[in-house]
Amino acid sequence: MDFEAMLQLITPEVHSGLRRAIEIGKWADGAALTGEQRELCMQALIAWEVHNLPSEERTGYIDCGSKTRGEVCATPADEEPELIRIVRASGLAG
């Protein structure tokens, strides 16, 4: 089964279950998610949301206001974004 076919099988209930598993790091039965499972769940969750939810309801949505309402984003567009350094803890000796 390919990824697109799998997305067709996701129901809103399955979506909620995937989202919850990602949030708490466990499946409904209490088994821990592996890093690979978490990554695949996130990919499926985001892809499903693109096809089934308006942008305002999707995971990671940031409301930057509306020009028609006179609102602006917290960071002006001409300002350089702050760089974030990502450090992976796996494989490091403690």
PDB file of N, CA and C in Angstrom:
ATOM      1  N   MET A   1       0.858  -1.181   0.000  1.00  0.00           N
ATOM      2  CA  MET A   1       0.000   0.000   0.000  1.00  0.00           C
ATOM      3  C   MET A   1       0.899   1.237   0.000  1.00  0.00           C
ATOM      4  N   ASP A   2       0.616   2.174  -0.889  1.00  0.00           N
ATOM      5  CA  ASP A   2       1.421   3.390  -0.933  1.00  0.00           C
ATOM      6  C   ASP A   2       0.873   4.438   0.048  1.00  0.00           C
ATOM      7  N   PHE A   3       1.638   5.497   0.234  1.00  0.00           N
ATOM      8  CA  PHE A   3       1.318   6.533   1.218  1.00  0.00           C
ATOM      9  C   PHE A   3      -0.029   7.187   0.937  1.00  0.00           C
ATOM     10  N   GLU A   4      -0.302   7.513  -0.322  1.00  0.00           N
ATOM     11  CA  GLU A   4      -1.572   8.168  -0.680  1.00  0.00           C
ATOM     12  C   GLU A   4      -2.769   7.262  -0.394  1.00  0.00           C
ATOM     13  N   ALA A   5      -2.628   5.976  -0.672  1.00  0.00           N
ATOM     14  CA  ALA A   5      -3.718   5.036  -0.388  1.00  0.00           C
ATOM     15  C   ALA A   5      -3.955   4.935   1.117  1.00  0.00           C
ATOM     16  N   MET A   6      -2.870   4.961   1.888  1.00  0.00           N
ATOM     17  CA  MET A   6      -2.994   4.911   3.342  1.00  0.00           C
ATOM     18  C   MET A   6      -3.734   6.150   3.867  1.00  0.00           C
ATOM     19  N   LEU A   7      -3.441   7.317   3.291  1.00  0.00           N
ATOM     20  CA  LEU A   7      -4.106   8.548   3.726  1.00  0.00           C
ATOM     21  C   LEU A   7      -5.614   8.478   3.523  1.00  0.00           C
ATOM     22  N   GLN A   8      -6.049   7.776   2.480  1.00  0.00           N
ATOM     23  CA  GLN A   8      -7.480   7.636   2.212  1.00  0.00           C
ATOM     24  C   GLN A   8      -8.190   6.830   3.300  1.00  0.00           C
ATOM     25  N   LEU A   9      -7.439   6.007   4.023  1.00  0.00           N
ATOM     26  CA  LEU A   9      -8.019   5.164   5.069  1.00  0.00           C
ATOM     27  C   LEU A   9      -8.101   5.858   6.430  1.00  0.00           C
ATOM     28  N   ILE A  10      -7.444   7.003   6.560  1.00  0.00           N
ATOM     29  CA  ILE A  10      -7.445   7.706   7.848  1.00  0.00           C
ATOM     30  C   ILE A  10      -8.780   8.410   8.046  1.00  0.00           C
ATOM     31  N   THR A  11      -9.415   8.093   9.146  1.00  0.00           N
ATOM     32  CA  THR A  11     -10.679   8.734   9.532  1.00  0.00           C
ATOM     33  C   THR A  11     -10.365   9.821  10.561  1.00  0.00           C
ATOM     34  N   PRO A  12     -11.326  10.690  10.859  1.00  0.00           N
ATOM     35  CA  PRO A  12     -11.084  11.678  11.922  1.00  0.00           C
ATOM     36  C   PRO A  12     -10.707  11.023  13.258  1.00  0.00           C
ATOM     37  N   GLU A  13     -11.252   9.847  13.541  1.00  0.00           N
ATOM     38  CA  GLU A  13     -10.916   9.146  14.781  1.00  0.00           C
ATOM     39  C   GLU A  13      -9.470   8.664  14.761  1.00  0.00           C
ATOM     40  N   VAL A  14      -9.032   8.126  13.626  1.00  0.00           N
ATOM     41  CA  VAL A  14      -7.645   7.680  13.488  1.00  0.00           C
ATOM     42  C   VAL A  14      -6.718   8.888  13.589  1.00  0.00           C
ATOM     43  N   HIS A  15      -7.095   9.986  12.957  1.00  0.00           N
ATOM     44  CA  HIS A  15      -6.320  11.225  13.029  1.00  0.00           C
ATOM     45  C   HIS A  15      -6.126  11.645  14.481  1.00  0.00           C
ATOM     46  N   SER A  16      -7.196  11.615  15.261  1.00  0.00           N
ATOM     47  CA  SER A  16      -7.111  11.986  16.682  1.00  0.00           C
ATOM     48  C   SER A  16      -6.181  11.047  17.441  1.00  0.00           C
ATOM     49  N   GLY A  17      -6.259   9.765  17.125  1.00  0.00           N
ATOM     50  CA  GLY A  17      -5.385   8.788  17.773  1.00  0.00           C
ATOM     51  C   GLY A  17      -3.919   9.005  17.438  1.00  0.00           C
ATOM     52  N   LEU A  18      -3.634   9.299  16.170  1.00  0.00           N
ATOM     53  CA  LEU A  18      -2.255   9.581  15.766  1.00  0.00           C
ATOM     54  C   LEU A  18      -1.738  10.836  16.461  1.00  0.00           C
ATOM     55  N   ARG A  19      -2.576  11.851  16.487  1.00  0.00           N
ATOM     56  CA  ARG A  19      -2.184  13.115  17.118  1.00  0.00           C
ATOM     57  C   ARG A  19      -1.880  12.906  18.602  1.00  0.00           C
ATOM     58  N   ARG A  20      -2.730  12.160  19.272  1.00  0.00           N
ATOM     59  CA  ARG A  20      -2.537  11.879  20.701  1.00  0.00           C
ATOM     60  C   ARG A  20      -1.259  11.070  20.921  1.00  0.00           C
ATOM     61  N   ALA A  21      -1.025  10.077  20.079  1.00  0.00           N
ATOM     62  CA  ALA A  21       0.183   9.257  20.203  1.00  0.00           C
ATOM     63  C   ALA A  21       1.442  10.108  20.047  1.00  0.00           C
ATOM     64  N   ILE A  22       1.432  11.024  19.100  1.00  0.00           N
ATOM     65  CA  ILE A  22       2.573  11.915  18.899  1.00  0.00           C
ATOM     66  C   ILE A  22       2.763  12.811  20.117  1.00  0.00           C
ATOM     67  N   GLU A  23       1.667  13.341  20.635  1.00  0.00           N
ATOM     68  CA  GLU A  23       1.744  14.259  21.779  1.00  0.00           C
ATOM     69  C   GLU A  23       2.318  13.596  23.024  1.00  0.00           C
ATOM     70  N   ILE A  24       1.883  12.368  23.324  1.00  0.00           N
ATOM     71  CA  ILE A  24       2.322  11.735  24.569  1.00  0.00           C
ATOM     72  C   ILE A  24       3.436  10.707  24.375  1.00  0.00           C
ATOM     73  N   GLY A  25       3.752  10.382  23.117  1.00  0.00           N
ATOM     74  CA  GLY A  25       4.836   9.442  22.846  1.00  0.00           C
ATOM     75  C   GLY A  25       4.475   7.988  23.067  1.00  0.00           C
ATOM     76  N   LYS A  26       3.166   7.703  23.151  1.00  0.00           N
ATOM     77  CA  LYS A  26       2.702   6.328  23.378  1.00  0.00           C
ATOM     78  C   LYS A  26       1.484   6.046  22.514  1.00  0.00           C
ATOM     79  N   TRP A  27       1.329   4.765  22.179  1.00  0.00           N
ATOM     80  CA  TRP A  27       0.109   4.322  21.530  1.00  0.00           C
ATOM     81  C   TRP A  27      -0.987   4.210  22.580  1.00  0.00           C
ATOM     82  N   ALA A  28      -2.216   4.024  22.147  1.00  0.00           N
ATOM     83  CA  ALA A  28      -3.352   3.908  23.067  1.00  0.00           C
ATOM     84  C   ALA A  28      -3.180   2.746  24.052  1.00  0.00           C
ATOM     85  N   ASP A  29      -2.449   1.699  23.640  1.00  0.00           N
ATOM     86  CA  ASP A  29      -2.234   0.554  24.535  1.00  0.00           C
ATOM     87  C   ASP A  29      -1.070   0.758  25.506  1.00  0.00           C
ATOM     88  N   GLY A  30      -0.426   1.920  25.451  1.00  0.00           N
ATOM     89  CA  GLY A  30       0.669   2.228  26.368  1.00  0.00           C
ATOM     90  C   GLY A  30       2.055   1.956  25.821  1.00  0.00           C
ATOM     91  N   ALA A  31       2.154   1.296  24.672  1.00  0.00           N
ATOM     92  CA  ALA A  31       3.461   1.013  24.073  1.00  0.00           C
ATOM     93  C   ALA A  31       4.084   2.309  23.555  1.00  0.00           C
ATOM     94  N   ALA A  32       5.375   2.471  23.800  1.00  0.00           N
ATOM     95  CA  ALA A  32       6.071   3.690  23.381  1.00  0.00           C
ATOM     96  C   ALA A  32       6.245   3.730  21.864  1.00  0.00           C
ATOM     97  N   LEU A  33       6.156   4.931  21.297  1.00  0.00           N
ATOM     98  CA  LEU A  33       6.432   5.126  19.874  1.00  0.00           C
ATOM     99  C   LEU A  33       7.940   5.135  19.672  1.00  0.00           C
ATOM    100  N   THR A  34       8.396   4.504  18.615  1.00  0.00           N
ATOM    101  CA  THR A  34       9.806   4.610  18.254  1.00  0.00           C
ATOM    102  C   THR A  34       9.985   5.927  17.508  1.00  0.00           C
ATOM    103  N   GLY A  35      11.212   6.335  17.318  1.00  0.00           N
ATOM    104  CA  GLY A  35      11.478   7.556  16.566  1.00  0.00           C
ATOM    105  C   GLY A  35      10.930   7.476  15.153  1.00  0.00           C
ATOM    106  N   GLU A  36      11.082   6.309  14.532  1.00  0.00           N
ATOM    107  CA  GLU A  36      10.577   6.121  13.171  1.00  0.00           C
ATOM    108  C   GLU A  36       9.049   6.196  13.136  1.00  0.00           C
ATOM    109  N   GLN A  37       8.394   5.580  14.125  1.00  0.00           N
ATOM    110  CA  GLN A  37       6.932   5.633  14.183  1.00  0.00           C
ATOM    111  C   GLN A  37       6.446   7.070  14.372  1.00  0.00           C
ATOM    112  N   ARG A  38       7.109   7.808  15.251  1.00  0.00           N
ATOM    113  CA  ARG A  38       6.733   9.203  15.496  1.00  0.00           C
ATOM    114  C   ARG A  38       6.865  10.023  14.202  1.00  0.00           C
ATOM    115  N   GLU A  39       7.966   9.821  13.489  1.00  0.00           N
ATOM    116  CA  GLU A  39       8.197  10.546  12.242  1.00  0.00           C
ATOM    117  C   GLU A  39       7.131  10.210  11.196  1.00  0.00           C
ATOM    118  N   LEU A  40       6.827   8.925  11.027  1.00  0.00           N
ATOM    119  CA  LEU A  40       5.813   8.513  10.053  1.00  0.00           C
ATOM    120  C   LEU A  40       4.423   9.011  10.441  1.00  0.00           C
ATOM    121  N   CYS A  41       4.119   8.976  11.739  1.00  0.00           N
ATOM    122  CA  CYS A  41       2.828   9.485  12.209  1.00  0.00           C
ATOM    123  C   CYS A  41       2.695  10.975  11.912  1.00  0.00           C
ATOM    124  N   MET A  42       3.769  11.722  12.148  1.00  0.00           N
ATOM    125  CA  MET A  42       3.727  13.166  11.868  1.00  0.00           C
ATOM    126  C   MET A  42       3.516  13.429  10.382  1.00  0.00           C
ATOM    127  N   GLN A  43       4.211  12.673   9.546  1.00  0.00           N
ATOM    128  CA  GLN A  43       4.048  12.847   8.104  1.00  0.00           C
ATOM    129  C   GLN A  43       2.614  12.551   7.687  1.00  0.00           C
ATOM    130  N   ALA A  44       2.060  11.466   8.193  1.00  0.00           N
ATOM    131  CA  ALA A  44       0.684  11.096   7.850  1.00  0.00           C
ATOM    132  C   ALA A  44      -0.305  12.129   8.377  1.00  0.00           C
ATOM    133  N   LEU A  45      -0.097  12.577   9.603  1.00  0.00           N
ATOM    134  CA  LEU A  45      -0.975  13.563  10.224  1.00  0.00           C
ATOM    135  C   LEU A  45      -1.011  14.858   9.405  1.00  0.00           C
ATOM    136  N   ILE A  46       0.153  15.371   9.062  1.00  0.00           N
ATOM    137  CA  ILE A  46       0.232  16.632   8.316  1.00  0.00           C
ATOM    138  C   ILE A  46      -0.340  16.466   6.910  1.00  0.00           C
ATOM    139  N   ALA A  47      -0.016  15.363   6.238  1.00  0.00           N
ATOM    140  CA  ALA A  47      -0.537  15.129   4.884  1.00  0.00           C
ATOM    141  C   ALA A  47      -2.056  15.005   4.903  1.00  0.00           C
ATOM    142  N   TRP A  48      -2.605  14.296   5.887  1.00  0.00           N
ATOM    143  CA  TRP A  48      -4.062  14.148   5.996  1.00  0.00           C
ATOM    144  C   TRP A  48      -4.709  15.506   6.229  1.00  0.00           C
ATOM    145  N   GLU A  49      -4.120  16.312   7.105  1.00  0.00           N
ATOM    146  CA  GLU A  49      -4.688  17.622   7.413  1.00  0.00           C
ATOM    147  C   GLU A  49      -4.712  18.538   6.190  1.00  0.00           C
ATOM    148  N   VAL A  50      -3.698  18.450   5.340  1.00  0.00           N
ATOM    149  CA  VAL A  50      -3.658  19.272   4.125  1.00  0.00           C
ATOM    150  C   VAL A  50      -4.868  18.983   3.247  1.00  0.00           C
ATOM    151  N   HIS A  51      -5.279  17.715   3.184  1.00  0.00           N
ATOM    152  CA  HIS A  51      -6.404  17.319   2.339  1.00  0.00           C
ATOM    153  C   HIS A  51      -7.768  17.449   3.010  1.00  0.00           C
ATOM    154  N   ASN A  52      -7.794  17.535   4.345  1.00  0.00           N
ATOM    155  CA  ASN A  52      -9.078  17.442   5.039  1.00  0.00           C
ATOM    156  C   ASN A  52      -9.431  18.586   5.985  1.00  0.00           C
ATOM    157  N   LEU A  53      -8.509  19.472   6.275  1.00  0.00           N
ATOM    158  CA  LEU A  53      -8.792  20.554   7.215  1.00  0.00           C
ATOM    159  C   LEU A  53      -8.437  21.911   6.621  1.00  0.00           C
ATOM    160  N   PRO A  54      -9.168  22.953   7.002  1.00  0.00           N
ATOM    161  CA  PRO A  54      -8.758  24.293   6.584  1.00  0.00           C
ATOM    162  C   PRO A  54      -7.441  24.649   7.277  1.00  0.00           C
ATOM    163  N   SER A  55      -6.667  25.527   6.688  1.00  0.00           N
ATOM    164  CA  SER A  55      -5.332  25.832   7.213  1.00  0.00           C
ATOM    165  C   SER A  55      -5.356  26.260   8.675  1.00  0.00           C
ATOM    166  N   GLU A  56      -6.404  26.955   9.101  1.00  0.00           N
ATOM    167  CA  GLU A  56      -6.471  27.442  10.480  1.00  0.00           C
ATOM    168  C   GLU A  56      -6.559  26.312  11.502  1.00  0.00           C
ATOM    169  N   GLU A  57      -6.981  25.129  11.074  1.00  0.00           N
ATOM    170  CA  GLU A  57      -7.163  24.006  11.996  1.00  0.00           C
ATOM    171  C   GLU A  57      -6.022  22.994  11.940  1.00  0.00           C
ATOM    172  N   ARG A  58      -5.034  23.224  11.086  1.00  0.00           N
ATOM    173  CA  ARG A  58      -3.954  22.261  10.911  1.00  0.00           C
ATOM    174  C   ARG A  58      -2.896  22.375  11.999  1.00  0.00           C
ATOM    175  N   THR A  59      -2.207  21.262  12.221  1.00  0.00           N
ATOM    176  CA  THR A  59      -1.096  21.228  13.161  1.00  0.00           C
ATOM    177  C   THR A  59      -0.035  22.232  12.727  1.00  0.00           C
ATOM    178  N   GLY A  60       0.435  23.026  13.680  1.00  0.00           N
ATOM    179  CA  GLY A  60       1.496  23.982  13.397  1.00  0.00           C
ATOM    180  C   GLY A  60       1.044  25.312  12.848  1.00  0.00           C
ATOM    181  N   TYR A  61      -0.267  25.511  12.694  1.00  0.00           N
ATOM    182  CA  TYR A  61      -0.770  26.767  12.136  1.00  0.00           C
ATOM    183  C   TYR A  61      -0.440  27.933  13.066  1.00  0.00           C
ATOM    184  N   ILE A  62       0.058  29.014  12.496  1.00  0.00           N
ATOM    185  CA  ILE A  62       0.329  30.239  13.242  1.00  0.00           C
ATOM    186  C   ILE A  62      -0.490  31.349  12.611  1.00  0.00           C
ATOM    187  N   ASP A  63      -1.347  31.961  13.398  1.00  0.00           N
ATOM    188  CA  ASP A  63      -2.190  33.046  12.906  1.00  0.00           C
ATOM    189  C   ASP A  63      -1.366  34.327  12.871  1.00  0.00           C
ATOM    190  N   CYS A  64      -1.113  34.803  11.684  1.00  0.00           N
ATOM    191  CA  CYS A  64      -0.326  36.024  11.519  1.00  0.00           C
ATOM    192  C   CYS A  64      -1.209  37.222  11.232  1.00  0.00           C
ATOM    193  N   GLY A  65      -2.475  37.119  11.516  1.00  0.00           N
ATOM    194  CA  GLY A  65      -3.359  38.247  11.286  1.00  0.00           C
ATOM    195  C   GLY A  65      -3.794  38.337   9.841  1.00  0.00           C
ATOM    196  N   SER A  66      -4.497  39.388   9.548  1.00  0.00           N
ATOM    197  CA  SER A  66      -5.038  39.588   8.216  1.00  0.00           C
ATOM    198  C   SER A  66      -4.844  41.036   7.806  1.00  0.00           C
ATOM    199  N   LYS A  67      -4.382  41.242   6.591  1.00  0.00           N
ATOM    200  CA  LYS A  67      -4.222  42.613   6.107  1.00  0.00           C
ATOM    201  C   LYS A  67      -5.563  43.331   6.064  1.00  0.00           C
ATOM    202  N   THR A  68      -6.621  42.589   5.766  1.00  0.00           N
ATOM    203  CA  THR A  68      -7.936  43.227   5.684  1.00  0.00           C
ATOM    204  C   THR A  68      -8.430  43.664   7.054  1.00  0.00           C
ATOM    205  N   ARG A  69      -7.973  42.987   8.104  1.00  0.00           N
ATOM    206  CA  ARG A  69      -8.368  43.371   9.460  1.00  0.00           C
ATOM    207  C   ARG A  69      -7.357  44.328  10.088  1.00  0.00           C
ATOM    208  N   GLY A  70      -6.286  44.645   9.367  1.00  0.00           N
ATOM    209  CA  GLY A  70      -5.281  45.570   9.874  1.00  0.00           C
ATOM    210  C   GLY A  70      -4.326  44.954  10.880  1.00  0.00           C
ATOM    211  N   GLU A  71      -4.282  43.627  10.962  1.00  0.00           N
ATOM    212  CA  GLU A  71      -3.392  42.951  11.898  1.00  0.00           C
ATOM    213  C   GLU A  71      -2.059  42.662  11.217  1.00  0.00           C
ATOM    214  N   VAL A  72      -1.031  42.498  12.012  1.00  0.00           N
ATOM    215  CA  VAL A  72       0.286  42.180  11.476  1.00  0.00           C
ATOM    216  C   VAL A  72       0.892  41.026  12.261  1.00  0.00           C
ATOM    217  N   CYS A  73       1.859  40.360  11.642  1.00  0.00           N
ATOM    218  CA  CYS A  73       2.578  39.288  12.322  1.00  0.00           C
ATOM    219  C   CYS A  73       3.448  39.874  13.424  1.00  0.00           C
ATOM    220  N   ALA A  74       3.815  39.042  14.385  1.00  0.00           N
ATOM    221  CA  ALA A  74       4.662  39.487  15.485  1.00  0.00           C
ATOM    222  C   ALA A  74       6.044  39.898  14.986  1.00  0.00           C
ATOM    223  N   THR A  75       6.536  39.247  13.936  1.00  0.00           N
ATOM    224  CA  THR A  75       7.837  39.570  13.373  1.00  0.00           C
ATOM    225  C   THR A  75       7.632  40.223  12.010  1.00  0.00           C
ATOM    226  N   PRO A  76       8.103  41.464  11.842  1.00  0.00           N
ATOM    227  CA  PRO A  76       7.962  42.114  10.531  1.00  0.00           C
ATOM    228  C   PRO A  76       8.677  41.314   9.445  1.00  0.00           C
ATOM    229  N   ALA A  77       8.134  41.341   8.243  1.00  0.00           N
ATOM    230  CA  ALA A  77       8.675  40.555   7.133  1.00  0.00           C
ATOM    231  C   ALA A  77      10.086  40.986   6.758  1.00  0.00           C
ATOM    232  N   ASP A  78      10.436  42.250   6.987  1.00  0.00           N
ATOM    233  CA  ASP A  78      11.764  42.721   6.606  1.00  0.00           C
ATOM    234  C   ASP A  78      12.826  42.407   7.666  1.00  0.00           C
ATOM    235  N   GLU A  79      12.419  41.849   8.781  1.00  0.00           N
ATOM    236  CA  GLU A  79      13.348  41.504   9.854  1.00  0.00           C
ATOM    237  C   GLU A  79      13.863  40.089   9.643  1.00  0.00           C
ATOM    238  N   GLU A  80      15.157  39.880   9.875  1.00  0.00           N
ATOM    239  CA  GLU A  80      15.746  38.554   9.711  1.00  0.00           C
ATOM    240  C   GLU A  80      15.219  37.612  10.794  1.00  0.00           C
ATOM    241  N   PRO A  81      14.818  36.393  10.422  1.00  0.00           N
ATOM    242  CA  PRO A  81      14.355  35.440  11.435  1.00  0.00           C
ATOM    243  C   PRO A  81      15.526  34.957  12.286  1.00  0.00           C
ATOM    244  N   GLU A  82      15.227  34.585  13.509  1.00  0.00           N
ATOM    245  CA  GLU A  82      16.247  34.055  14.407  1.00  0.00           C
ATOM    246  C   GLU A  82      16.525  32.608  14.024  1.00  0.00           C
ATOM    247  N   LEU A  83      17.793  32.244  13.934  1.00  0.00           N
ATOM    248  CA  LEU A  83      18.159  30.875  13.598  1.00  0.00           C
ATOM    249  C   LEU A  83      18.016  29.994  14.824  1.00  0.00           C
ATOM    250  N   ILE A  84      17.541  28.785  14.599  1.00  0.00           N
ATOM    251  CA  ILE A  84      17.371  27.820  15.675  1.00  0.00           C
ATOM    252  C   ILE A  84      18.287  26.640  15.397  1.00  0.00           C
ATOM    253  N   ARG A  85      19.070  26.269  16.373  1.00  0.00           N
ATOM    254  CA  ARG A  85      19.971  25.130  16.229  1.00  0.00           C
ATOM    255  C   ARG A  85      19.282  23.896  16.792  1.00  0.00           C
ATOM    256  N   ILE A  86      19.179  22.853  15.984  1.00  0.00           N
ATOM    257  CA  ILE A  86      18.528  21.614  16.405  1.00  0.00           C
ATOM    258  C   ILE A  86      19.603  20.609  16.799  1.00  0.00           C
ATOM    259  N   VAL A  87      19.477  20.082  18.004  1.00  0.00           N
ATOM    260  CA  VAL A  87      20.433  19.107  18.515  1.00  0.00           C
ATOM    261  C   VAL A  87      19.691  17.808  18.765  1.00  0.00           C
ATOM    262  N   ARG A  88      20.170  16.754  18.168  1.00  0.00           N
ATOM    263  CA  ARG A  88      19.552  15.441  18.384  1.00  0.00           C
ATOM    264  C   ARG A  88      20.273  14.745  19.530  1.00  0.00           C
ATOM    265  N   ALA A  89      19.511  14.274  20.500  1.00  0.00           N
ATOM    266  CA  ALA A  89      20.088  13.646  21.684  1.00  0.00           C
ATOM    267  C   ALA A  89      20.451  12.183  21.457  1.00  0.00           C
ATOM    268  N   SER A  90      19.870  11.539  20.461  1.00  0.00           N
ATOM    269  CA  SER A  90      20.115  10.111  20.259  1.00  0.00           C
ATOM    270  C   SER A  90      21.569   9.855  19.883  1.00  0.00           C
ATOM    271  N   GLY A  91      22.118   8.819  20.458  1.00  0.00           N
ATOM    272  CA  GLY A  91      23.479   8.427  20.124  1.00  0.00           C
ATOM    273  C   GLY A  91      24.546   9.144  20.927  1.00  0.00           C
ATOM    274  N   LEU A  92      24.168  10.010  21.841  1.00  0.00           N
ATOM    275  CA  LEU A  92      25.142  10.726  22.647  1.00  0.00           C
ATOM    276  C   LEU A  92      25.355   9.996  23.969  1.00  0.00           C
ATOM    277  N   ALA A  93      26.598   9.877  24.361  1.00  0.00           N
ATOM    278  CA  ALA A  93      26.903   9.257  25.656  1.00  0.00           C
ATOM    279  C   ALA A  93      26.723  10.290  26.749  1.00  0.00           C
ATOM    280  N   GLY A  94      26.158   9.889  27.877  1.00  0.00           N
ATOM    281  CA  GLY A  94      25.861  10.845  28.923  1.00  0.00           C
ATOM    282  C   GLY A  94      26.699  10.787  30.102  1.00  0.00           C
TER     283      GLY A  94
END
